[in-house]
Amino acid sequence: REPVVRWSRAIIKRLKEMEDIALSYPGVVKTYTIQAGRELRVIVGAEKLSDMESESLSHDIAKKIQDEMTYPGQVKITVIRETRSVAYAK
């Protein structure tokens, strides 16, 4: 039981590290690690970053994770920049 707890803590720590790396960039609003850390979804403020900056951000985050962390396999970084407009017809 003890090795499982240690292993679980190590995974949680790694996921938190990934999220913290992404959150260190300006314009990042929220992060989610999914698929046991194989994918990091990064939500950015649409008013804070352009489409070009969002694309650049995904590469910057990937590079920083690659340089600063150890992890099995690869990690997919998805930056989501979304705007919503709502109108009602009466």
N, C-alpha and C. Protein backbone atom coordinates (compact mmCIF):
# COMPACT_ATOMS: atom_id res chain seq x y z
N ARG A 1 0.84 -1.21 0.00
CA ARG A 1 0.00 0.00 0.00
C ARG A 1 0.87 1.26 0.00
N GLU A 2 1.95 1.25 0.74
CA GLU A 2 2.84 2.42 0.83
C GLU A 2 3.41 2.83 -0.53
N PRO A 3 3.91 1.89 -1.37
CA PRO A 3 4.43 2.31 -2.68
C PRO A 3 3.36 2.95 -3.56
N VAL A 4 2.13 2.48 -3.46
CA VAL A 4 1.03 3.05 -4.26
C VAL A 4 0.77 4.49 -3.84
N VAL A 5 0.80 4.76 -2.55
CA VAL A 5 0.58 6.12 -2.04
C VAL A 5 1.70 7.04 -2.53
N ARG A 6 2.93 6.57 -2.44
CA ARG A 6 4.07 7.37 -2.91
C ARG A 6 3.97 7.65 -4.40
N TRP A 7 3.60 6.62 -5.18
CA TRP A 7 3.44 6.75 -6.62
C TRP A 7 2.35 7.77 -6.94
N SER A 8 1.23 7.69 -6.23
CA SER A 8 0.11 8.62 -6.44
C SER A 8 0.53 10.05 -6.13
N ARG A 9 1.25 10.24 -5.05
CA ARG A 9 1.71 11.58 -4.68
C ARG A 9 2.67 12.13 -5.74
N ALA A 10 3.51 11.26 -6.28
CA ALA A 10 4.46 11.70 -7.31
C ALA A 10 3.72 12.15 -8.57
N ILE A 11 2.69 11.43 -8.94
CA ILE A 11 1.90 11.81 -10.12
C ILE A 11 1.19 13.13 -9.89
N ILE A 12 0.57 13.29 -8.74
CA ILE A 12 -0.14 14.53 -8.42
C ILE A 12 0.83 15.70 -8.42
N LYS A 13 2.02 15.49 -7.88
CA LYS A 13 3.04 16.55 -7.86
C LYS A 13 3.45 16.93 -9.29
N ARG A 14 3.62 15.94 -10.15
CA ARG A 14 4.01 16.19 -11.54
C ARG A 14 2.91 16.96 -12.28
N LEU A 15 1.66 16.60 -12.06
CA LEU A 15 0.55 17.30 -12.71
C LEU A 15 0.48 18.74 -12.25
N LYS A 16 0.68 18.95 -10.95
CA LYS A 16 0.66 20.31 -10.40
C LYS A 16 1.80 21.14 -10.98
N GLU A 17 2.98 20.53 -11.12
CA GLU A 17 4.13 21.24 -11.71
C GLU A 17 3.82 21.69 -13.13
N MET A 18 3.19 20.82 -13.92
CA MET A 18 2.82 21.17 -15.29
C MET A 18 1.87 22.36 -15.31
N GLU A 19 0.86 22.29 -14.46
CA GLU A 19 -0.12 23.39 -14.40
C GLU A 19 0.55 24.68 -13.94
N ASP A 20 1.44 24.59 -12.98
CA ASP A 20 2.13 25.79 -12.48
C ASP A 20 3.01 26.43 -13.56
N ILE A 21 3.64 25.61 -14.37
CA ILE A 21 4.45 26.15 -15.48
C ILE A 21 3.56 26.96 -16.41
N ALA A 22 2.43 26.40 -16.79
CA ALA A 22 1.52 27.11 -17.71
C ALA A 22 0.96 28.38 -17.06
N LEU A 23 0.61 28.29 -15.78
CA LEU A 23 0.04 29.44 -15.08
C LEU A 23 1.04 30.58 -14.90
N SER A 24 2.32 30.29 -15.06
CA SER A 24 3.33 31.34 -14.90
C SER A 24 3.36 32.31 -16.08
N TYR A 25 2.70 31.97 -17.16
CA TYR A 25 2.67 32.84 -18.34
C TYR A 25 1.52 33.84 -18.26
N PRO A 26 1.76 35.08 -18.68
CA PRO A 26 0.69 36.08 -18.66
C PRO A 26 -0.42 35.72 -19.65
N GLY A 27 -1.65 35.99 -19.25
CA GLY A 27 -2.80 35.71 -20.10
C GLY A 27 -3.45 34.37 -19.82
N VAL A 28 -2.76 33.48 -19.09
CA VAL A 28 -3.32 32.17 -18.77
C VAL A 28 -4.32 32.33 -17.63
N VAL A 29 -5.53 31.82 -17.86
CA VAL A 29 -6.61 31.96 -16.89
C VAL A 29 -6.77 30.68 -16.06
N LYS A 30 -6.71 29.50 -16.72
CA LYS A 30 -6.97 28.23 -16.04
C LYS A 30 -6.22 27.13 -16.77
N THR A 31 -5.85 26.08 -16.04
CA THR A 31 -5.19 24.93 -16.66
C THR A 31 -5.84 23.64 -16.17
N TYR A 32 -5.81 22.62 -17.01
CA TYR A 32 -6.32 21.30 -16.67
C TYR A 32 -5.35 20.25 -17.20
N THR A 33 -4.93 19.34 -16.36
CA THR A 33 -4.17 18.19 -16.86
C THR A 33 -5.16 17.05 -17.01
N ILE A 34 -5.09 16.38 -18.15
CA ILE A 34 -6.00 15.26 -18.39
C ILE A 34 -5.21 14.08 -18.92
N GLN A 35 -5.87 12.94 -18.98
CA GLN A 35 -5.28 11.69 -19.45
C GLN A 35 -3.99 11.36 -18.71
N ALA A 36 -4.06 11.42 -17.39
CA ALA A 36 -2.92 11.08 -16.52
C ALA A 36 -1.68 11.90 -16.84
N GLY A 37 -1.89 13.17 -17.21
CA GLY A 37 -0.77 14.05 -17.47
C GLY A 37 -0.23 13.98 -18.89
N ARG A 38 -0.92 13.27 -19.77
CA ARG A 38 -0.47 13.20 -21.16
C ARG A 38 -0.92 14.42 -21.96
N GLU A 39 -1.88 15.18 -21.41
CA GLU A 39 -2.34 16.39 -22.09
C GLU A 39 -2.55 17.49 -21.07
N LEU A 40 -2.13 18.68 -21.45
CA LEU A 40 -2.33 19.88 -20.63
C LEU A 40 -3.17 20.85 -21.44
N ARG A 41 -4.33 21.19 -20.91
CA ARG A 41 -5.19 22.17 -21.57
C ARG A 41 -5.03 23.50 -20.85
N VAL A 42 -4.79 24.53 -21.64
CA VAL A 42 -4.51 25.86 -21.11
C VAL A 42 -5.56 26.82 -21.65
N ILE A 43 -6.32 27.42 -20.74
CA ILE A 43 -7.35 28.39 -21.13
C ILE A 43 -6.74 29.78 -20.99
N VAL A 44 -6.82 30.57 -22.08
CA VAL A 44 -6.28 31.92 -22.04
C VAL A 44 -7.41 32.92 -22.25
N GLY A 45 -7.21 34.12 -21.73
CA GLY A 45 -8.19 35.18 -21.93
C GLY A 45 -8.14 35.67 -23.37
N ALA A 46 -9.27 35.63 -24.05
CA ALA A 46 -9.33 36.01 -25.46
C ALA A 46 -8.93 37.46 -25.67
N GLU A 47 -9.22 38.30 -24.70
CA GLU A 47 -8.88 39.72 -24.81
C GLU A 47 -7.41 39.98 -24.49
N LYS A 48 -6.74 39.00 -23.92
CA LYS A 48 -5.35 39.19 -23.50
C LYS A 48 -4.33 38.70 -24.53
N LEU A 49 -4.71 37.69 -25.32
CA LEU A 49 -3.78 37.12 -26.30
C LEU A 49 -4.46 36.99 -27.66
N SER A 50 -3.68 37.21 -28.71
CA SER A 50 -4.18 37.01 -30.08
C SER A 50 -4.05 35.53 -30.45
N ASP A 51 -4.57 35.17 -31.62
CA ASP A 51 -4.42 33.79 -32.10
C ASP A 51 -2.95 33.43 -32.28
N MET A 52 -2.18 34.35 -32.82
CA MET A 52 -0.74 34.10 -33.04
C MET A 52 -0.02 33.92 -31.70
N GLU A 53 -0.36 34.75 -30.73
CA GLU A 53 0.28 34.65 -29.41
C GLU A 53 -0.11 33.34 -28.73
N SER A 54 -1.35 32.88 -28.95
CA SER A 54 -1.80 31.62 -28.36
C SER A 54 -0.99 30.45 -28.91
N GLU A 55 -0.75 30.48 -30.21
CA GLU A 55 0.04 29.41 -30.83
C GLU A 55 1.47 29.42 -30.30
N SER A 56 2.03 30.59 -30.20
CA SER A 56 3.39 30.73 -29.67
C SER A 56 3.45 30.26 -28.21
N LEU A 57 2.41 30.57 -27.46
CA LEU A 57 2.35 30.17 -26.05
C LEU A 57 2.40 28.65 -25.91
N SER A 58 1.69 27.92 -26.77
CA SER A 58 1.71 26.45 -26.66
C SER A 58 3.12 25.91 -26.85
N HIS A 59 3.86 26.48 -27.79
CA HIS A 59 5.24 26.05 -28.03
C HIS A 59 6.15 26.42 -26.85
N ASP A 60 5.94 27.62 -26.30
CA ASP A 60 6.76 28.06 -25.16
C ASP A 60 6.54 27.16 -23.94
N ILE A 61 5.27 26.83 -23.67
CA ILE A 61 4.95 25.97 -22.53
C ILE A 61 5.55 24.58 -22.75
N ALA A 62 5.40 24.05 -23.96
CA ALA A 62 5.95 22.72 -24.27
C ALA A 62 7.46 22.70 -24.06
N LYS A 63 8.13 23.73 -24.53
CA LYS A 63 9.60 23.81 -24.37
C LYS A 63 9.99 23.85 -22.90
N LYS A 64 9.27 24.66 -22.12
CA LYS A 64 9.61 24.78 -20.70
C LYS A 64 9.37 23.46 -19.96
N ILE A 65 8.27 22.78 -20.27
CA ILE A 65 8.00 21.48 -19.65
C ILE A 65 9.09 20.49 -20.05
N GLN A 66 9.46 20.48 -21.31
CA GLN A 66 10.50 19.57 -21.80
C GLN A 66 11.83 19.83 -21.11
N ASP A 67 12.17 21.10 -20.89
CA ASP A 67 13.45 21.45 -20.30
C ASP A 67 13.50 21.23 -18.79
N GLU A 68 12.37 21.42 -18.11
CA GLU A 68 12.39 21.44 -16.65
C GLU A 68 11.81 20.20 -15.97
N MET A 69 11.16 19.32 -16.72
CA MET A 69 10.49 18.19 -16.08
C MET A 69 10.93 16.87 -16.70
N THR A 70 10.71 15.80 -15.95
CA THR A 70 10.87 14.45 -16.49
C THR A 70 9.50 13.79 -16.44
N TYR A 71 9.15 13.10 -17.51
CA TYR A 71 7.83 12.49 -17.62
C TYR A 71 7.93 11.38 -18.66
N PRO A 72 7.07 10.37 -18.55
CA PRO A 72 7.09 9.30 -19.54
C PRO A 72 6.36 9.73 -20.82
N GLY A 73 6.86 9.35 -21.97
CA GLY A 73 6.16 9.64 -23.22
C GLY A 73 6.20 11.10 -23.60
N GLN A 74 5.08 11.59 -24.11
CA GLN A 74 5.01 12.99 -24.52
C GLN A 74 3.79 13.65 -23.89
N VAL A 75 3.81 14.97 -23.87
CA VAL A 75 2.71 15.75 -23.30
C VAL A 75 2.19 16.67 -24.40
N LYS A 76 0.90 16.59 -24.66
CA LYS A 76 0.26 17.45 -25.65
C LYS A 76 -0.22 18.72 -24.95
N ILE A 77 0.17 19.88 -25.48
CA ILE A 77 -0.24 21.17 -24.91
C ILE A 77 -1.30 21.77 -25.83
N THR A 78 -2.49 21.98 -25.30
CA THR A 78 -3.58 22.58 -26.07
C THR A 78 -3.94 23.91 -25.45
N VAL A 79 -3.78 24.99 -26.21
CA VAL A 79 -4.16 26.32 -25.73
C VAL A 79 -5.52 26.65 -26.33
N ILE A 80 -6.45 27.02 -25.46
CA ILE A 80 -7.82 27.33 -25.87
C ILE A 80 -8.07 28.81 -25.65
N ARG A 81 -8.39 29.49 -26.73
CA ARG A 81 -8.72 30.92 -26.69
C ARG A 81 -10.13 31.04 -27.24
N GLU A 82 -11.05 31.40 -26.37
CA GLU A 82 -12.45 31.34 -26.75
C GLU A 82 -13.17 32.65 -26.45
N THR A 83 -14.01 33.04 -27.37
CA THR A 83 -14.91 34.17 -27.12
C THR A 83 -16.33 33.66 -27.31
N ARG A 84 -17.24 34.21 -26.55
CA ARG A 84 -18.65 33.83 -26.66
C ARG A 84 -19.49 35.09 -26.77
N SER A 85 -20.44 35.04 -27.66
CA SER A 85 -21.38 36.14 -27.79
C SER A 85 -22.78 35.57 -27.68
N VAL A 86 -23.60 36.20 -26.88
CA VAL A 86 -24.96 35.72 -26.66
C VAL A 86 -25.92 36.86 -26.95
N ALA A 87 -26.98 36.55 -27.67
CA ALA A 87 -28.04 37.52 -27.92
C ALA A 87 -29.38 36.80 -27.79
N TYR A 88 -30.40 37.52 -27.41
CA TYR A 88 -31.73 36.95 -27.25
C TYR A 88 -32.71 37.64 -28.20
N ALA A 89 -33.53 36.87 -28.87
CA ALA A 89 -34.60 37.42 -29.68
C ALA A 89 -35.88 37.34 -28.86
N LYS A 90 -36.64 38.42 -28.86
CA LYS A 90 -37.88 38.43 -28.06
C LYS A 90 -39.08 38.58 -28.95
